[in-house]
Amino acid sequence: MCAVEYFPMNTPAFRPRIVILYCTQCQWLLRAGWMAQELLSTFANDLGEVVLQPGTGGVFQITYNGDLIWDRKSDGGFPEAKVLKQRVRDRLDPGRPLGHIDGHTAGPVAAPDV
């Protein structure tokens, strides 16, 4: 039998909970699963859990400890992985760099000298 430990939010062992609520009628399970995988790959040791929660009615919402950080209807579509990771990072550890995700946007490429 496997024991599951739960920690109250005010203990040092607490790690955040992400919930991805997705529409089953729209068949968005794969999209939700991919986003969960992206978050778990980036924040592997920092998140307590990432939950996939089925819903209906075109819903696609992502919450961080109960606070809405993405809503398909109000944010105008689905988040890019970069944006989602930045929103999670901004709550989890605002000073943490995300490597290439935080990188500058490249300017125009100069033509080679001939």
PDB file of N, CA and C in Angstrom:
ATOM      1  N   MET A   1       0.847  -1.183   0.000  1.00  0.00           N
ATOM      2  CA  MET A   1       0.000   0.000   0.000  1.00  0.00           C
ATOM      3  C   MET A   1       0.888   1.240   0.000  1.00  0.00           C
ATOM      4  N   CYS A   2       0.564   2.188  -0.791  1.00  0.00           N
ATOM      5  CA  CYS A   2       1.356   3.408  -0.932  1.00  0.00           C
ATOM      6  C   CYS A   2       0.778   4.513  -0.052  1.00  0.00           C
ATOM      7  N   ALA A   3       1.627   5.111   0.748  1.00  0.00           N
ATOM      8  CA  ALA A   3       1.177   6.217   1.606  1.00  0.00           C
ATOM      9  C   ALA A   3       1.354   7.535   0.867  1.00  0.00           C
ATOM     10  N   VAL A   4       0.356   8.353   0.901  1.00  0.00           N
ATOM     11  CA  VAL A   4       0.407   9.672   0.278  1.00  0.00           C
ATOM     12  C   VAL A   4       0.467  10.706   1.382  1.00  0.00           C
ATOM     13  N   GLU A   5       1.422  11.625   1.273  1.00  0.00           N
ATOM     14  CA  GLU A   5       1.560  12.665   2.284  1.00  0.00           C
ATOM     15  C   GLU A   5       0.949  13.960   1.786  1.00  0.00           C
ATOM     16  N   TYR A   6       0.216  14.619   2.653  1.00  0.00           N
ATOM     17  CA  TYR A   6      -0.347  15.923   2.341  1.00  0.00           C
ATOM     18  C   TYR A   6       0.191  16.919   3.352  1.00  0.00           C
ATOM     19  N   PHE A   7       0.590  18.081   2.880  1.00  0.00           N
ATOM     20  CA  PHE A   7       1.160  19.097   3.744  1.00  0.00           C
ATOM     21  C   PHE A   7       0.300  20.346   3.689  1.00  0.00           C
ATOM     22  N   PRO A   8       0.052  20.972   4.831  1.00  0.00           N
ATOM     23  CA  PRO A   8      -0.666  22.247   4.792  1.00  0.00           C
ATOM     24  C   PRO A   8       0.181  23.297   4.088  1.00  0.00           C
ATOM     25  N   MET A   9      -0.483  24.313   3.531  1.00  0.00           N
ATOM     26  CA  MET A   9       0.208  25.316   2.728  1.00  0.00           C
ATOM     27  C   MET A   9       1.279  26.079   3.489  1.00  0.00           C
ATOM     28  N   ASN A  10       1.193  26.161   4.801  1.00  0.00           N
ATOM     29  CA  ASN A  10       2.141  26.973   5.543  1.00  0.00           C
ATOM     30  C   ASN A  10       3.391  26.205   5.967  1.00  0.00           C
ATOM     31  N   THR A  11       3.566  24.961   5.535  1.00  0.00           N
ATOM     32  CA  THR A  11       4.771  24.218   5.877  1.00  0.00           C
ATOM     33  C   THR A  11       5.797  24.347   4.761  1.00  0.00           C
ATOM     34  N   PRO A  12       7.084  24.207   5.090  1.00  0.00           N
ATOM     35  CA  PRO A  12       8.117  24.306   4.062  1.00  0.00           C
ATOM     36  C   PRO A  12       7.996  23.231   2.997  1.00  0.00           C
ATOM     37  N   ALA A  13       7.363  22.110   3.322  1.00  0.00           N
ATOM     38  CA  ALA A  13       7.254  21.011   2.369  1.00  0.00           C
ATOM     39  C   ALA A  13       6.165  21.238   1.324  1.00  0.00           C
ATOM     40  N   PHE A  14       5.385  22.292   1.467  1.00  0.00           N
ATOM     41  CA  PHE A  14       4.295  22.539   0.520  1.00  0.00           C
ATOM     42  C   PHE A  14       4.842  22.871  -0.859  1.00  0.00           C
ATOM     43  N   ARG A  15       4.277  22.227  -1.839  1.00  0.00           N
ATOM     44  CA  ARG A  15       4.595  22.559  -3.229  1.00  0.00           C
ATOM     45  C   ARG A  15       3.284  22.813  -3.962  1.00  0.00           C
ATOM     46  N   PRO A  16       3.282  23.732  -4.904  1.00  0.00           N
ATOM     47  CA  PRO A  16       2.037  24.168  -5.538  1.00  0.00           C
ATOM     48  C   PRO A  16       1.325  23.093  -6.360  1.00  0.00           C
ATOM     49  N   ARG A  17       0.032  23.345  -6.518  1.00  0.00           N
ATOM     50  CA  ARG A  17      -0.852  22.474  -7.291  1.00  0.00           C
ATOM     51  C   ARG A  17      -1.339  23.239  -8.514  1.00  0.00           C
ATOM     52  N   ILE A  18      -1.130  22.653  -9.672  1.00  0.00           N
ATOM     53  CA  ILE A  18      -1.617  23.213 -10.932  1.00  0.00           C
ATOM     54  C   ILE A  18      -2.778  22.335 -11.397  1.00  0.00           C
ATOM     55  N   VAL A  19      -3.879  22.965 -11.789  1.00  0.00           N
ATOM     56  CA  VAL A  19      -5.011  22.226 -12.350  1.00  0.00           C
ATOM     57  C   VAL A  19      -5.258  22.742 -13.761  1.00  0.00           C
ATOM     58  N   ILE A  20      -5.310  21.812 -14.698  1.00  0.00           N
ATOM     59  CA  ILE A  20      -5.654  22.145 -16.082  1.00  0.00           C
ATOM     60  C   ILE A  20      -7.045  21.571 -16.336  1.00  0.00           C
ATOM     61  N   LEU A  21      -8.019  22.461 -16.416  1.00  0.00           N
ATOM     62  CA  LEU A  21      -9.412  22.093 -16.671  1.00  0.00           C
ATOM     63  C   LEU A  21      -9.646  22.204 -18.175  1.00  0.00           C
ATOM     64  N   TYR A  22      -9.990  21.082 -18.808  1.00  0.00           N
ATOM     65  CA  TYR A  22     -10.114  21.047 -20.264  1.00  0.00           C
ATOM     66  C   TYR A  22     -11.463  20.462 -20.677  1.00  0.00           C
ATOM     67  N   CYS A  23     -11.899  20.823 -21.875  1.00  0.00           N
ATOM     68  CA  CYS A  23     -13.190  20.365 -22.393  1.00  0.00           C
ATOM     69  C   CYS A  23     -13.043  19.002 -23.073  1.00  0.00           C
ATOM     70  N   THR A  24     -13.797  18.021 -22.567  1.00  0.00           N
ATOM     71  CA  THR A  24     -13.773  16.693 -23.185  1.00  0.00           C
ATOM     72  C   THR A  24     -14.560  16.677 -24.496  1.00  0.00           C
ATOM     73  N   GLN A  25     -15.599  17.506 -24.588  1.00  0.00           N
ATOM     74  CA  GLN A  25     -16.396  17.573 -25.815  1.00  0.00           C
ATOM     75  C   GLN A  25     -15.556  18.092 -26.982  1.00  0.00           C
ATOM     76  N   CYS A  26     -14.604  18.956 -26.679  1.00  0.00           N
ATOM     77  CA  CYS A  26     -13.728  19.553 -27.696  1.00  0.00           C
ATOM     78  C   CYS A  26     -12.498  18.690 -27.959  1.00  0.00           C
ATOM     79  N   GLN A  27     -12.351  17.616 -27.182  1.00  0.00           N
ATOM     80  CA  GLN A  27     -11.232  16.685 -27.302  1.00  0.00           C
ATOM     81  C   GLN A  27      -9.883  17.370 -27.081  1.00  0.00           C
ATOM     82  N   TRP A  28      -9.792  18.116 -25.996  1.00  0.00           N
ATOM     83  CA  TRP A  28      -8.569  18.853 -25.676  1.00  0.00           C
ATOM     84  C   TRP A  28      -7.684  18.124 -24.672  1.00  0.00           C
ATOM     85  N   LEU A  29      -7.917  16.821 -24.460  1.00  0.00           N
ATOM     86  CA  LEU A  29      -7.094  16.054 -23.526  1.00  0.00           C
ATOM     87  C   LEU A  29      -5.621  16.058 -23.936  1.00  0.00           C
ATOM     88  N   LEU A  30      -5.327  15.835 -25.203  1.00  0.00           N
ATOM     89  CA  LEU A  30      -3.927  15.800 -25.641  1.00  0.00           C
ATOM     90  C   LEU A  30      -3.240  17.142 -25.423  1.00  0.00           C
ATOM     91  N   ARG A  31      -3.943  18.221 -25.691  1.00  0.00           N
ATOM     92  CA  ARG A  31      -3.386  19.560 -25.473  1.00  0.00           C
ATOM     93  C   ARG A  31      -3.105  19.774 -23.982  1.00  0.00           C
ATOM     94  N   ALA A  32      -4.059  19.387 -23.135  1.00  0.00           N
ATOM     95  CA  ALA A  32      -3.888  19.536 -21.687  1.00  0.00           C
ATOM     96  C   ALA A  32      -2.730  18.670 -21.194  1.00  0.00           C
ATOM     97  N   GLY A  33      -2.643  17.459 -21.702  1.00  0.00           N
ATOM     98  CA  GLY A  33      -1.561  16.558 -21.312  1.00  0.00           C
ATOM     99  C   GLY A  33      -0.201  17.074 -21.733  1.00  0.00           C
ATOM    100  N   TRP A  34      -0.133  17.649 -22.920  1.00  0.00           N
ATOM    101  CA  TRP A  34       1.130  18.216 -23.401  1.00  0.00           C
ATOM    102  C   TRP A  34       1.559  19.389 -22.517  1.00  0.00           C
ATOM    103  N   MET A  35       0.608  20.242 -22.153  1.00  0.00           N
ATOM    104  CA  MET A  35       0.944  21.381 -21.289  1.00  0.00           C
ATOM    105  C   MET A  35       1.383  20.906 -19.905  1.00  0.00           C
ATOM    106  N   ALA A  36       0.737  19.867 -19.396  1.00  0.00           N
ATOM    107  CA  ALA A  36       1.149  19.299 -18.109  1.00  0.00           C
ATOM    108  C   ALA A  36       2.576  18.775 -18.199  1.00  0.00           C
ATOM    109  N   GLN A  37       2.891  18.089 -19.279  1.00  0.00           N
ATOM    110  CA  GLN A  37       4.238  17.551 -19.481  1.00  0.00           C
ATOM    111  C   GLN A  37       5.270  18.665 -19.568  1.00  0.00           C
ATOM    112  N   GLU A  38       4.942  19.751 -20.252  1.00  0.00           N
ATOM    113  CA  GLU A  38       5.855  20.896 -20.350  1.00  0.00           C
ATOM    114  C   GLU A  38       6.138  21.486 -18.969  1.00  0.00           C
ATOM    115  N   LEU A  39       5.098  21.640 -18.163  1.00  0.00           N
ATOM    116  CA  LEU A  39       5.281  22.193 -16.818  1.00  0.00           C
ATOM    117  C   LEU A  39       6.084  21.251 -15.933  1.00  0.00           C
ATOM    118  N   LEU A  40       5.787  19.962 -15.999  1.00  0.00           N
ATOM    119  CA  LEU A  40       6.511  18.997 -15.180  1.00  0.00           C
ATOM    120  C   LEU A  40       7.966  18.868 -15.610  1.00  0.00           C
ATOM    121  N   SER A  41       8.244  19.024 -16.888  1.00  0.00           N
ATOM    122  CA  SER A  41       9.627  18.969 -17.364  1.00  0.00           C
ATOM    123  C   SER A  41      10.428  20.168 -16.880  1.00  0.00           C
ATOM    124  N   THR A  42       9.800  21.335 -16.865  1.00  0.00           N
ATOM    125  CA  THR A  42      10.495  22.560 -16.474  1.00  0.00           C
ATOM    126  C   THR A  42      10.598  22.710 -14.963  1.00  0.00           C
ATOM    127  N   PHE A  43       9.539  22.365 -14.249  1.00  0.00           N
ATOM    128  CA  PHE A  43       9.479  22.585 -12.799  1.00  0.00           C
ATOM    129  C   PHE A  43       9.389  21.258 -12.035  1.00  0.00           C
ATOM    130  N   ALA A  44      10.122  20.264 -12.473  1.00  0.00           N
ATOM    131  CA  ALA A  44      10.009  18.895 -11.958  1.00  0.00           C
ATOM    132  C   ALA A  44      10.052  18.787 -10.439  1.00  0.00           C
ATOM    133  N   ASN A  45      10.969  19.474  -9.798  1.00  0.00           N
ATOM    134  CA  ASN A  45      11.138  19.336  -8.353  1.00  0.00           C
ATOM    135  C   ASN A  45      10.413  20.409  -7.558  1.00  0.00           C
ATOM    136  N   ASP A  46       9.714  21.294  -8.243  1.00  0.00           N
ATOM    137  CA  ASP A  46       9.090  22.431  -7.574  1.00  0.00           C
ATOM    138  C   ASP A  46       7.577  22.330  -7.459  1.00  0.00           C
ATOM    139  N   LEU A  47       6.960  21.490  -8.272  1.00  0.00           N
ATOM    140  CA  LEU A  47       5.502  21.371  -8.258  1.00  0.00           C
ATOM    141  C   LEU A  47       5.081  20.157  -7.442  1.00  0.00           C
ATOM    142  N   GLY A  48       4.004  20.319  -6.698  1.00  0.00           N
ATOM    143  CA  GLY A  48       3.455  19.200  -5.946  1.00  0.00           C
ATOM    144  C   GLY A  48       2.694  18.250  -6.847  1.00  0.00           C
ATOM    145  N   GLU A  49       1.900  18.825  -7.742  1.00  0.00           N
ATOM    146  CA  GLU A  49       1.130  18.020  -8.681  1.00  0.00           C
ATOM    147  C   GLU A  49       0.602  18.887  -9.808  1.00  0.00           C
ATOM    148  N   VAL A  50       0.377  18.232 -10.937  1.00  0.00           N
ATOM    149  CA  VAL A  50      -0.321  18.849 -12.063  1.00  0.00           C
ATOM    150  C   VAL A  50      -1.495  17.930 -12.357  1.00  0.00           C
ATOM    151  N   VAL A  51      -2.697  18.485 -12.244  1.00  0.00           N
ATOM    152  CA  VAL A  51      -3.930  17.708 -12.352  1.00  0.00           C
ATOM    153  C   VAL A  51      -4.612  18.014 -13.678  1.00  0.00           C
ATOM    154  N   LEU A  52      -5.053  16.966 -14.368  1.00  0.00           N
ATOM    155  CA  LEU A  52      -5.893  17.124 -15.555  1.00  0.00           C
ATOM    156  C   LEU A  52      -7.326  16.879 -15.115  1.00  0.00           C
ATOM    157  N   GLN A  53      -8.152  17.912 -15.249  1.00  0.00           N
ATOM    158  CA  GLN A  53      -9.543  17.831 -14.788  1.00  0.00           C
ATOM    159  C   GLN A  53     -10.480  17.972 -15.980  1.00  0.00           C
ATOM    160  N   PRO A  54     -11.249  16.921 -16.311  1.00  0.00           N
ATOM    161  CA  PRO A  54     -12.169  17.013 -17.434  1.00  0.00           C
ATOM    162  C   PRO A  54     -13.334  17.950 -17.150  1.00  0.00           C
ATOM    163  N   GLY A  55     -13.743  18.669 -18.182  1.00  0.00           N
ATOM    164  CA  GLY A  55     -14.883  19.573 -18.100  1.00  0.00           C
ATOM    165  C   GLY A  55     -15.621  19.574 -19.428  1.00  0.00           C
ATOM    166  N   THR A  56     -16.583  20.470 -19.567  1.00  0.00           N
ATOM    167  CA  THR A  56     -17.369  20.579 -20.798  1.00  0.00           C
ATOM    168  C   THR A  56     -17.582  22.048 -21.127  1.00  0.00           C
ATOM    169  N   GLY A  57     -18.238  22.284 -22.250  1.00  0.00           N
ATOM    170  CA  GLY A  57     -18.635  23.644 -22.599  1.00  0.00           C
ATOM    171  C   GLY A  57     -17.519  24.525 -23.133  1.00  0.00           C
ATOM    172  N   GLY A  58     -16.483  23.921 -23.707  1.00  0.00           N
ATOM    173  CA  GLY A  58     -15.407  24.717 -24.295  1.00  0.00           C
ATOM    174  C   GLY A  58     -14.446  25.312 -23.288  1.00  0.00           C
ATOM    175  N   VAL A  59     -14.432  24.775 -22.071  1.00  0.00           N
ATOM    176  CA  VAL A  59     -13.572  25.329 -21.025  1.00  0.00           C
ATOM    177  C   VAL A  59     -12.122  24.875 -21.216  1.00  0.00           C
ATOM    178  N   PHE A  60     -11.203  25.788 -20.988  1.00  0.00           N
ATOM    179  CA  PHE A  60      -9.779  25.471 -20.884  1.00  0.00           C
ATOM    180  C   PHE A  60      -9.179  26.505 -19.948  1.00  0.00           C
ATOM    181  N   GLN A  61      -9.016  26.107 -18.693  1.00  0.00           N
ATOM    182  CA  GLN A  61      -8.501  27.012 -17.665  1.00  0.00           C
ATOM    183  C   GLN A  61      -7.353  26.346 -16.930  1.00  0.00           C
ATOM    184  N   ILE A  62      -6.404  27.166 -16.509  1.00  0.00           N
ATOM    185  CA  ILE A  62      -5.274  26.670 -15.732  1.00  0.00           C
ATOM    186  C   ILE A  62      -5.204  27.482 -14.451  1.00  0.00           C
ATOM    187  N   THR A  63      -5.167  26.773 -13.323  1.00  0.00           N
ATOM    188  CA  THR A  63      -5.070  27.457 -12.036  1.00  0.00           C
ATOM    189  C   THR A  63      -3.785  27.049 -11.328  1.00  0.00           C
ATOM    190  N   TYR A  64      -3.281  27.973 -10.527  1.00  0.00           N
ATOM    191  CA  TYR A  64      -2.096  27.765  -9.690  1.00  0.00           C
ATOM    192  C   TYR A  64      -2.556  27.959  -8.254  1.00  0.00           C
ATOM    193  N   ASN A  65      -2.600  26.893  -7.487  1.00  0.00           N
ATOM    194  CA  ASN A  65      -3.124  26.940  -6.113  1.00  0.00           C
ATOM    195  C   ASN A  65      -4.486  27.623  -6.038  1.00  0.00           C
ATOM    196  N   GLY A  66      -5.331  27.351  -7.018  1.00  0.00           N
ATOM    197  CA  GLY A  66      -6.680  27.897  -7.029  1.00  0.00           C
ATOM    198  C   GLY A  66      -6.833  29.245  -7.702  1.00  0.00           C
ATOM    199  N   ASP A  67      -5.721  29.917  -8.004  1.00  0.00           N
ATOM    200  CA  ASP A  67      -5.777  31.215  -8.686  1.00  0.00           C
ATOM    201  C   ASP A  67      -5.704  31.004 -10.191  1.00  0.00           C
ATOM    202  N   LEU A  68      -6.630  31.595 -10.915  1.00  0.00           N
ATOM    203  CA  LEU A  68      -6.673  31.456 -12.367  1.00  0.00           C
ATOM    204  C   LEU A  68      -5.477  32.157 -13.001  1.00  0.00           C
ATOM    205  N   ILE A  69      -4.675  31.400 -13.767  1.00  0.00           N
ATOM    206  CA  ILE A  69      -3.544  32.016 -14.474  1.00  0.00           C
ATOM    207  C   ILE A  69      -3.731  31.973 -15.987  1.00  0.00           C
ATOM    208  N   TRP A  70      -4.711  31.197 -16.470  1.00  0.00           N
ATOM    209  CA  TRP A  70      -5.027  31.205 -17.897  1.00  0.00           C
ATOM    210  C   TRP A  70      -6.469  30.781 -18.090  1.00  0.00           C
ATOM    211  N   ASP A  71      -7.182  31.514 -18.940  1.00  0.00           N
ATOM    212  CA  ASP A  71      -8.548  31.163 -19.317  1.00  0.00           C
ATOM    213  C   ASP A  71      -8.674  31.359 -20.820  1.00  0.00           C
ATOM    214  N   ARG A  72      -8.980  30.283 -21.525  1.00  0.00           N
ATOM    215  CA  ARG A  72      -9.053  30.335 -22.985  1.00  0.00           C
ATOM    216  C   ARG A  72     -10.002  31.417 -23.471  1.00  0.00           C
ATOM    217  N   LYS A  73     -11.121  31.578 -22.797  1.00  0.00           N
ATOM    218  CA  LYS A  73     -12.118  32.545 -23.256  1.00  0.00           C
ATOM    219  C   LYS A  73     -11.668  33.984 -23.031  1.00  0.00           C
ATOM    220  N   SER A  74     -11.133  34.289 -21.871  1.00  0.00           N
ATOM    221  CA  SER A  74     -10.741  35.684 -21.601  1.00  0.00           C
ATOM    222  C   SER A  74      -9.343  36.020 -22.116  1.00  0.00           C
ATOM    223  N   ASP A  75      -8.464  35.014 -22.231  1.00  0.00           N
ATOM    224  CA  ASP A  75      -7.107  35.271 -22.723  1.00  0.00           C
ATOM    225  C   ASP A  75      -6.993  35.095 -24.233  1.00  0.00           C
ATOM    226  N   GLY A  76      -8.072  34.690 -24.875  1.00  0.00           N
ATOM    227  CA  GLY A  76      -8.080  34.620 -26.331  1.00  0.00           C
ATOM    228  C   GLY A  76      -7.381  33.412 -26.921  1.00  0.00           C
ATOM    229  N   GLY A  77      -7.672  32.234 -26.443  1.00  0.00           N
ATOM    230  CA  GLY A  77      -7.088  31.023 -27.014  1.00  0.00           C
ATOM    231  C   GLY A  77      -6.276  30.254 -25.998  1.00  0.00           C
ATOM    232  N   PHE A  78      -5.381  29.457 -26.511  1.00  0.00           N
ATOM    233  CA  PHE A  78      -4.543  28.617 -25.661  1.00  0.00           C
ATOM    234  C   PHE A  78      -3.190  29.289 -25.441  1.00  0.00           C
ATOM    235  N   PRO A  79      -2.576  29.026 -24.287  1.00  0.00           N
ATOM    236  CA  PRO A  79      -1.273  29.646 -24.040  1.00  0.00           C
ATOM    237  C   PRO A  79      -0.161  28.947 -24.814  1.00  0.00           C
ATOM    238  N   GLU A  80       0.826  29.716 -25.236  1.00  0.00           N
ATOM    239  CA  GLU A  80       2.055  29.115 -25.733  1.00  0.00           C
ATOM    240  C   GLU A  80       2.773  28.552 -24.516  1.00  0.00           C
ATOM    241  N   ALA A  81       3.556  27.517 -24.697  1.00  0.00           N
ATOM    242  CA  ALA A  81       4.288  26.915 -23.579  1.00  0.00           C
ATOM    243  C   ALA A  81       5.145  27.959 -22.875  1.00  0.00           C
ATOM    244  N   LYS A  82       5.768  28.832 -23.639  1.00  0.00           N
ATOM    245  CA  LYS A  82       6.626  29.878 -23.073  1.00  0.00           C
ATOM    246  C   LYS A  82       5.844  30.766 -22.108  1.00  0.00           C
ATOM    247  N   VAL A  83       4.679  31.214 -22.529  1.00  0.00           N
ATOM    248  CA  VAL A  83       3.857  32.112 -21.710  1.00  0.00           C
ATOM    249  C   VAL A  83       3.375  31.394 -20.453  1.00  0.00           C
ATOM    250  N   LEU A  84       2.938  30.150 -20.605  1.00  0.00           N
ATOM    251  CA  LEU A  84       2.464  29.385 -19.453  1.00  0.00           C
ATOM    252  C   LEU A  84       3.584  29.187 -18.432  1.00  0.00           C
ATOM    253  N   LYS A  85       4.765  28.826 -18.897  1.00  0.00           N
ATOM    254  CA  LYS A  85       5.902  28.632 -17.993  1.00  0.00           C
ATOM    255  C   LYS A  85       6.279  29.931 -17.289  1.00  0.00           C
ATOM    256  N   GLN A  86       6.195  31.041 -17.997  1.00  0.00           N
ATOM    257  CA  GLN A  86       6.505  32.329 -17.373  1.00  0.00           C
ATOM    258  C   GLN A  86       5.485  32.668 -16.289  1.00  0.00           C
ATOM    259  N   ARG A  87       4.215  32.386 -16.542  1.00  0.00           N
ATOM    260  CA  ARG A  87       3.183  32.681 -15.538  1.00  0.00           C
ATOM    261  C   ARG A  87       3.339  31.805 -14.299  1.00  0.00           C
ATOM    262  N   VAL A  88       3.693  30.555 -14.494  1.00  0.00           N
ATOM    263  CA  VAL A  88       3.936  29.676 -13.347  1.00  0.00           C
ATOM    264  C   VAL A  88       5.188  30.143 -12.607  1.00  0.00           C
ATOM    265  N   ARG A  89       6.253  30.423 -13.331  1.00  0.00           N
ATOM    266  CA  ARG A  89       7.494  30.890 -12.713  1.00  0.00           C
ATOM    267  C   ARG A  89       7.278  32.172 -11.914  1.00  0.00           C
ATOM    268  N   ASP A  90       6.482  33.099 -12.459  1.00  0.00           N
ATOM    269  CA  ASP A  90       6.241  34.379 -11.791  1.00  0.00           C
ATOM    270  C   ASP A  90       5.559  34.200 -10.440  1.00  0.00           C
ATOM    271  N   ARG A  91       4.843  33.106 -10.245  1.00  0.00           N
ATOM    272  CA  ARG A  91       4.213  32.824  -8.955  1.00  0.00           C
ATOM    273  C   ARG A  91       5.105  31.947  -8.076  1.00  0.00           C
ATOM    274  N   LEU A  92       5.787  31.030  -8.692  1.00  0.00           N
ATOM    275  CA  LEU A  92       6.610  30.073  -7.960  1.00  0.00           C
ATOM    276  C   LEU A  92       7.910  30.691  -7.453  1.00  0.00           C
ATOM    277  N   ASP A  93       8.621  31.376  -8.344  1.00  0.00           N
ATOM    278  CA  ASP A  93       9.933  31.939  -8.021  1.00  0.00           C
ATOM    279  C   ASP A  93      10.234  33.045  -9.030  1.00  0.00           C
ATOM    280  N   PRO A  94       9.723  34.263  -8.793  1.00  0.00           N
ATOM    281  CA  PRO A  94       9.819  35.345  -9.780  1.00  0.00           C
ATOM    282  C   PRO A  94      11.237  35.668 -10.252  1.00  0.00           C
ATOM    283  N   GLY A  95      12.242  35.428  -9.446  1.00  0.00           N
ATOM    284  CA  GLY A  95      13.607  35.740  -9.848  1.00  0.00           C
ATOM    285  C   GLY A  95      14.291  34.637 -10.626  1.00  0.00           C
ATOM    286  N   ARG A  96      13.631  33.521 -10.785  1.00  0.00           N
ATOM    287  CA  ARG A  96      14.235  32.356 -11.444  1.00  0.00           C
ATOM    288  C   ARG A  96      14.320  32.554 -12.950  1.00  0.00           C
ATOM    289  N   PRO A  97      15.503  32.383 -13.536  1.00  0.00           N
ATOM    290  CA  PRO A  97      15.610  32.466 -14.996  1.00  0.00           C
ATOM    291  C   PRO A  97      15.094  31.173 -15.639  1.00  0.00           C
ATOM    292  N   LEU A  98      14.521  31.315 -16.810  1.00  0.00           N
ATOM    293  CA  LEU A  98      14.031  30.149 -17.545  1.00  0.00           C
ATOM    294  C   LEU A  98      14.895  29.856 -18.767  1.00  0.00           C
ATOM    295  N   GLY A  99      16.111  30.331 -18.749  1.00  0.00           N
ATOM    296  CA  GLY A  99      17.027  30.050 -19.849  1.00  0.00           C
ATOM    297  C   GLY A  99      16.571  30.675 -21.148  1.00  0.00           C
ATOM    298  N   HIS A 100      16.546  29.878 -22.204  1.00  0.00           N
ATOM    299  CA  HIS A 100      16.219  30.394 -23.535  1.00  0.00           C
ATOM    300  C   HIS A 100      14.806  30.960 -23.615  1.00  0.00           C
ATOM    301  N   ILE A 101      13.918  30.538 -22.729  1.00  0.00           N
ATOM    302  CA  ILE A 101      12.543  31.053 -22.747  1.00  0.00           C
ATOM    303  C   ILE A 101      12.521  32.549 -22.464  1.00  0.00           C
ATOM    304  N   ASP A 102      13.405  33.002 -21.585  1.00  0.00           N
ATOM    305  CA  ASP A 102      13.482  34.422 -21.248  1.00  0.00           C
ATOM    306  C   ASP A 102      14.400  35.188 -22.187  1.00  0.00           C
ATOM    307  N   GLY A 103      14.989  34.515 -23.144  1.00  0.00           N
ATOM    308  CA  GLY A 103      15.956  35.143 -24.042  1.00  0.00           C
ATOM    309  C   GLY A 103      15.356  36.281 -24.838  1.00  0.00           C
ATOM    310  N   HIS A 104      16.246  37.105 -25.362  1.00  0.00           N
ATOM    311  CA  HIS A 104      15.812  38.250 -26.166  1.00  0.00           C
ATOM    312  C   HIS A 104      15.295  37.775 -27.511  1.00  0.00           C
ATOM    313  N   THR A 105      14.516  38.601 -28.141  1.00  0.00           N
ATOM    314  CA  THR A 105      14.045  38.279 -29.482  1.00  0.00           C
ATOM    315  C   THR A 105      15.113  38.712 -30.470  1.00  0.00           C
ATOM    316  N   ALA A 106      15.366  37.880 -31.407  1.00  0.00           N
ATOM    317  CA  ALA A 106      16.417  38.164 -32.380  1.00  0.00           C
ATOM    318  C   ALA A 106      15.978  39.264 -33.330  1.00  0.00           C
ATOM    319  N   GLY A 107      16.887  40.122 -33.651  1.00  0.00           N
ATOM    320  CA  GLY A 107      16.621  41.178 -34.621  1.00  0.00           C
ATOM    321  C   GLY A 107      16.766  40.627 -36.024  1.00  0.00           C
ATOM    322  N   PRO A 108      16.688  41.494 -37.008  1.00  0.00           N
ATOM    323  CA  PRO A 108      16.823  41.034 -38.387  1.00  0.00           C
ATOM    324  C   PRO A 108      18.229  40.494 -38.639  1.00  0.00           C
ATOM    325  N   VAL A 109      18.300  39.509 -39.485  1.00  0.00           N
ATOM    326  CA  VAL A 109      19.581  38.905 -39.824  1.00  0.00           C
ATOM    327  C   VAL A 109      20.202  39.705 -40.955  1.00  0.00           C
ATOM    328  N   ALA A 110      21.457  40.096 -40.768  1.00  0.00           N
ATOM    329  CA  ALA A 110      22.156  40.880 -41.793  1.00  0.00           C
ATOM    330  C   ALA A 110      22.574  39.969 -42.935  1.00  0.00           C
ATOM    331  N   ALA A 111      22.519  40.503 -44.124  1.00  0.00           N
ATOM    332  CA  ALA A 111      22.955  39.757 -45.299  1.00  0.00           C
ATOM    333  C   ALA A 111      24.474  39.624 -45.267  1.00  0.00           C
ATOM    334  N   PRO A 112      24.996  38.476 -45.686  1.00  0.00           N
ATOM    335  CA  PRO A 112      26.451  38.297 -45.674  1.00  0.00           C
ATOM    336  C   PRO A 112      27.122  39.213 -46.689  1.00  0.00           C
ATOM    337  N   ASP A 113      28.354  39.630 -46.350  1.00  0.00           N
ATOM    338  CA  ASP A 113      29.129  40.452 -47.290  1.00  0.00           C
ATOM    339  C   ASP A 113      29.559  39.585 -48.458  1.00  0.00           C
ATOM    340  N   VAL A 114      29.437  40.131 -49.636  1.00  0.00           N
ATOM    341  CA  VAL A 114      29.813  39.372 -50.836  1.00  0.00           C
ATOM    342  C   VAL A 114      31.072  39.918 -51.419  1.00  0.00           C
TER     343      VAL A 114
END
